[in-house]
Every structure is written in C-alpha cells, then in structure tokens.
Amino acid sequence: MMRWRHLRDIVLLPIALVVVVLEDVIWAGLRALLRLVADLPAVRRVAAWLGTLPGWAALPMFLIPEAIGRIGDVWAVALLVQGQVVAAGVVYLLVRLVSTLLAVFVYHACEAALLRYQWFAAVVAWFGRVRDWALGIIAPWREAIRALLGRGRSRLGGRLLALRRVYAVGRFRAPEE
C-alpha cells in the first residue's frame, strides 16, 4: 500500500508543481497588480456596485471576462493567419491576463453573494483542497530547497521576501494556506 502511495505522488508531482507555481508566482503577481488598480476611485465604485448584486445577477458578470478572452482568441488567430506568430502570442497572453484579472476582480467583488450558492461554495472548497494537496506533496521538496539554500538570506532574497509580505497584505489576497 505504501509503494502505491509513493508511486501516485510521483506521478502527480508535476500537477502539484503547476498548482504551486500558479499559486506562489502568478497569483502573487496578479494580487499585487489588482491592489494597485483597486485603489482607483472608478474601480472602487464598480466593486461596490458589484458587491450589491444578488447571486443570480453576479454570476453572469463572469461572462464579461470570458467574452473578452474569446475576442482575444479570435484576434490572436487572425494574427496567426497573417503570419504574425509573435504578435499573436503576445496578444493571446495579454488578453488572457486581462480577462483573468477581470474574473478575479468580479469574484472578489461578488464573493459574498456567490458563496451563498452551495454548488459555487463546493467548487471553491474543492479548489482549496487541490491547493492544499499540492502544497502537501511538494512540502518536502520546498523544505529541502530552503535548507540547501541556507537560512541566511542574500540582500536580494531579503528584499524579495519583504516585497512579498507587503503585497500579501491588502484587499485582494490569496486563500489562506
């Protein structure tokens, strides 16, 4: 039984690494960007308005970022057809980034209303369990890397840690670990 568990963990390790990289790197950067934008008066007004919507009205708000993403897909394909591969890649990535940021913004603004739906709360809880599972699988490797690098931090490492702490506090934060 123990061998099967280790084999399963080895097979699932790449998925766990992707989940952790998304959580630690990409999500942290998106949170920092959202915090910068969230302080704009117009954005605060929109967030306040979205926060007043009931769940049935908040749920379709996710169609806006999805529509933006689909428009970006068509734009990227049009650029590919014209032979502009680099431009297509840049457009695709930027449009996906913007649509993801909008989806996160909508989620945080409408979170209270959306979590009243049991199915929505179950999906959010499932994603939390996947994150916890991924962190649990790679925890030994994270600790080994930290031990290998030593407990003493370089100036750059200390600065990066300080920046992460600054950006970890704020309105748009990742789910607690």
Protein backbone atom coordinates (compact mmCIF):
# COMPACT_ATOMS: atom_id res chain seq x y z
CA MET A 1 0.00 0.00 0.00
CA MET A 2 2.84 2.35 0.86
CA ARG A 3 4.50 1.79 -2.54
CA TRP A 4 1.29 2.69 -4.36
CA ARG A 5 1.07 5.96 -2.43
CA HIS A 6 4.65 6.92 -3.33
CA LEU A 7 4.11 5.98 -6.97
CA ARG A 8 0.91 8.02 -7.05
CA ASP A 9 2.69 11.01 -5.51
CA ILE A 10 5.49 10.80 -8.07
CA VAL A 11 3.02 10.66 -10.94
CA LEU A 12 1.01 13.56 -9.55
CA LEU A 13 4.05 15.68 -8.64
CA PRO A 14 4.09 17.65 -11.94
CA ILE A 15 0.45 18.63 -11.41
CA ALA A 16 1.23 19.67 -7.84
CA LEU A 17 4.17 21.76 -9.03
CA VAL A 18 1.99 23.55 -11.58
CA VAL A 19 -0.62 24.30 -8.92
CA VAL A 20 2.01 25.65 -6.52
CA VAL A 21 3.71 27.76 -9.20
CA LEU A 22 0.35 29.20 -10.17
CA GLU A 23 -0.39 29.92 -6.51
CA ASP A 24 3.01 31.24 -5.45
CA VAL A 25 4.20 33.10 -8.51
CA ILE A 26 1.40 34.01 -10.87
CA TRP A 27 -1.31 34.56 -8.27
CA ALA A 28 1.03 36.68 -6.12
CA GLY A 29 1.81 38.90 -9.10
CA LEU A 30 -1.85 39.21 -10.06
CA ARG A 31 -2.76 40.16 -6.48
CA ALA A 32 -0.14 42.91 -6.50
CA LEU A 33 -1.46 44.26 -9.79
CA LEU A 34 -5.06 44.11 -8.58
CA ARG A 35 -4.13 46.01 -5.42
CA LEU A 36 -2.62 48.81 -7.49
CA VAL A 37 -5.74 49.10 -9.63
CA ALA A 38 -8.21 48.59 -6.76
CA ASP A 39 -7.38 51.96 -5.25
CA LEU A 40 -8.61 53.88 -8.28
CA PRO A 41 -11.91 55.64 -7.50
CA ALA A 42 -13.73 54.29 -10.56
CA VAL A 43 -12.67 50.73 -9.75
CA ARG A 44 -13.82 51.13 -6.14
CA ARG A 45 -17.23 52.33 -7.36
CA VAL A 46 -17.59 49.37 -9.72
CA ALA A 47 -16.53 46.95 -6.97
CA ALA A 48 -19.04 48.50 -4.57
CA TRP A 49 -21.80 48.21 -7.19
CA LEU A 50 -20.89 44.58 -7.93
CA GLY A 51 -20.95 43.86 -4.21
CA THR A 52 -24.60 44.89 -4.05
CA LEU A 53 -25.69 42.42 -6.73
CA PRO A 54 -27.57 39.28 -5.71
CA GLY A 55 -26.04 35.95 -6.73
CA TRP A 56 -28.29 35.47 -9.74
CA ALA A 57 -27.14 38.81 -11.15
CA ALA A 58 -23.49 38.42 -10.08
CA LEU A 59 -22.98 35.07 -11.77
CA PRO A 60 -23.48 36.38 -15.34
CA MET A 61 -20.79 39.01 -14.67
CA PHE A 62 -18.25 36.26 -15.32
CA LEU A 63 -19.40 36.29 -18.94
CA ILE A 64 -17.70 39.66 -19.46
CA PRO A 65 -14.14 38.40 -18.88
CA GLU A 66 -14.98 35.25 -20.84
CA ALA A 67 -16.20 37.33 -23.81
CA ILE A 68 -13.02 39.41 -23.67
CA GLY A 69 -10.99 36.19 -23.70
CA ARG A 70 -12.87 34.87 -26.73
CA ILE A 71 -12.37 38.14 -28.61
CA GLY A 72 -8.66 37.85 -27.82
CA ASP A 73 -8.65 34.29 -29.18
CA VAL A 74 -10.15 35.45 -32.47
CA TRP A 75 -7.67 38.34 -32.64
CA ALA A 76 -4.74 36.00 -31.99
CA VAL A 77 -5.94 33.55 -34.65
CA ALA A 78 -6.32 36.42 -37.14
CA LEU A 79 -2.73 37.44 -36.42
CA LEU A 80 -1.58 33.84 -36.86
CA VAL A 81 -3.32 33.61 -40.22
CA GLN A 82 -1.43 36.73 -41.27
CA GLY A 83 1.83 35.06 -40.24
CA GLN A 84 2.46 37.26 -37.20
CA VAL A 85 3.31 34.50 -34.73
CA VAL A 86 4.99 36.64 -32.07
CA ALA A 87 2.24 39.26 -32.15
CA ALA A 88 -0.39 36.50 -31.89
CA GLY A 89 1.34 35.04 -28.85
CA VAL A 90 1.65 38.42 -27.16
CA VAL A 91 -1.98 39.32 -27.86
CA TYR A 92 -3.18 35.94 -26.60
CA LEU A 93 -1.19 36.18 -23.36
CA LEU A 94 -2.12 39.80 -22.66
CA VAL A 95 -5.82 39.30 -23.36
CA ARG A 96 -5.86 36.17 -21.18
CA LEU A 97 -4.10 38.11 -18.41
CA VAL A 98 -6.64 40.93 -18.58
CA SER A 99 -9.61 38.55 -18.70
CA THR A 100 -8.21 36.59 -15.74
CA LEU A 101 -7.72 39.79 -13.75
CA LEU A 102 -11.29 40.81 -14.52
CA ALA A 103 -12.61 37.41 -13.44
CA VAL A 104 -10.69 37.65 -10.15
CA PHE A 105 -11.99 41.19 -9.65
CA VAL A 106 -15.57 40.07 -10.27
CA TYR A 107 -15.12 37.10 -7.94
CA HIS A 108 -13.80 39.20 -5.07
CA ALA A 109 -16.42 41.90 -5.55
CA CYS A 110 -19.29 39.37 -5.67
CA GLU A 111 -17.82 36.71 -3.37
CA ALA A 112 -20.38 37.01 -0.57
CA ALA A 113 -23.34 36.67 -2.93
CA LEU A 114 -21.76 33.86 -4.94
CA LEU A 115 -20.82 31.76 -1.92
CA ARG A 116 -24.50 31.61 -0.93
CA TYR A 117 -24.92 29.10 -3.75
CA GLN A 118 -23.99 25.68 -2.38
CA TRP A 119 -22.60 24.45 -5.68
CA PHE A 120 -20.38 27.53 -6.03
CA ALA A 121 -19.11 27.19 -2.45
CA ALA A 122 -18.41 23.50 -3.13
CA VAL A 123 -16.33 24.35 -6.21
CA VAL A 124 -14.36 26.98 -4.27
CA ALA A 125 -13.78 24.47 -1.44
CA TRP A 126 -12.64 21.84 -3.94
CA PHE A 127 -10.05 24.26 -5.40
CA GLY A 128 -8.86 24.94 -1.86
CA ARG A 129 -8.42 21.22 -1.27
CA VAL A 130 -6.47 20.87 -4.53
CA ARG A 131 -4.18 23.71 -3.44
CA ASP A 132 -3.67 22.16 -0.01
CA TRP A 133 -2.97 18.77 -1.58
CA ALA A 134 -0.40 20.26 -3.96
CA LEU A 135 1.32 22.15 -1.17
CA GLY A 136 1.41 18.98 0.91
CA ILE A 137 3.00 16.94 -1.86
CA ILE A 138 5.78 19.40 -2.59
CA ALA A 139 6.36 20.48 1.02
CA PRO A 140 9.35 18.13 1.49
CA TRP A 141 10.97 19.45 -1.69
CA ARG A 142 10.34 23.07 -0.70
CA GLU A 143 11.93 22.47 2.68
CA ALA A 144 14.90 20.66 1.11
CA ILE A 145 15.49 23.54 -1.29
CA ARG A 146 15.24 26.07 1.52
CA ALA A 147 17.68 24.03 3.62
CA LEU A 148 20.04 23.70 0.66
CA LEU A 149 19.99 27.44 0.07
CA GLY A 150 20.62 28.01 3.76
CA ARG A 151 18.73 30.03 6.28
CA GLY A 152 20.79 33.15 5.67
CA ARG A 153 19.25 35.35 3.04
CA SER A 154 21.02 37.45 0.47
CA ARG A 155 20.08 41.10 0.21
CA LEU A 156 18.09 40.35 -2.93
CA GLY A 157 16.32 37.42 -1.26
CA GLY A 158 15.51 39.56 1.77
CA ARG A 159 14.15 42.33 -0.46
CA LEU A 160 12.00 39.90 -2.41
CA LEU A 161 10.63 38.45 0.83
CA ALA A 162 9.85 41.96 2.10
CA LEU A 163 8.05 42.82 -1.14
CA ARG A 164 6.06 39.60 -0.96
CA ARG A 165 4.96 40.44 2.58
CA VAL A 166 3.96 43.97 1.54
CA TYR A 167 1.91 42.66 -1.38
CA ALA A 168 0.43 39.81 0.67
CA VAL A 169 -1.44 42.31 2.82
CA GLY A 170 -4.33 44.01 1.14
CA ARG A 171 -7.73 43.72 -0.36
CA PHE A 172 -7.03 41.01 -2.93
CA ARG A 173 -5.32 38.20 -1.09
CA ALA A 174 -4.83 34.56 -1.84
CA PRO A 175 -6.75 31.98 0.16
CA GLU A 176 -5.09 31.20 3.47
CA GLU A 177 -2.61 28.35 3.46
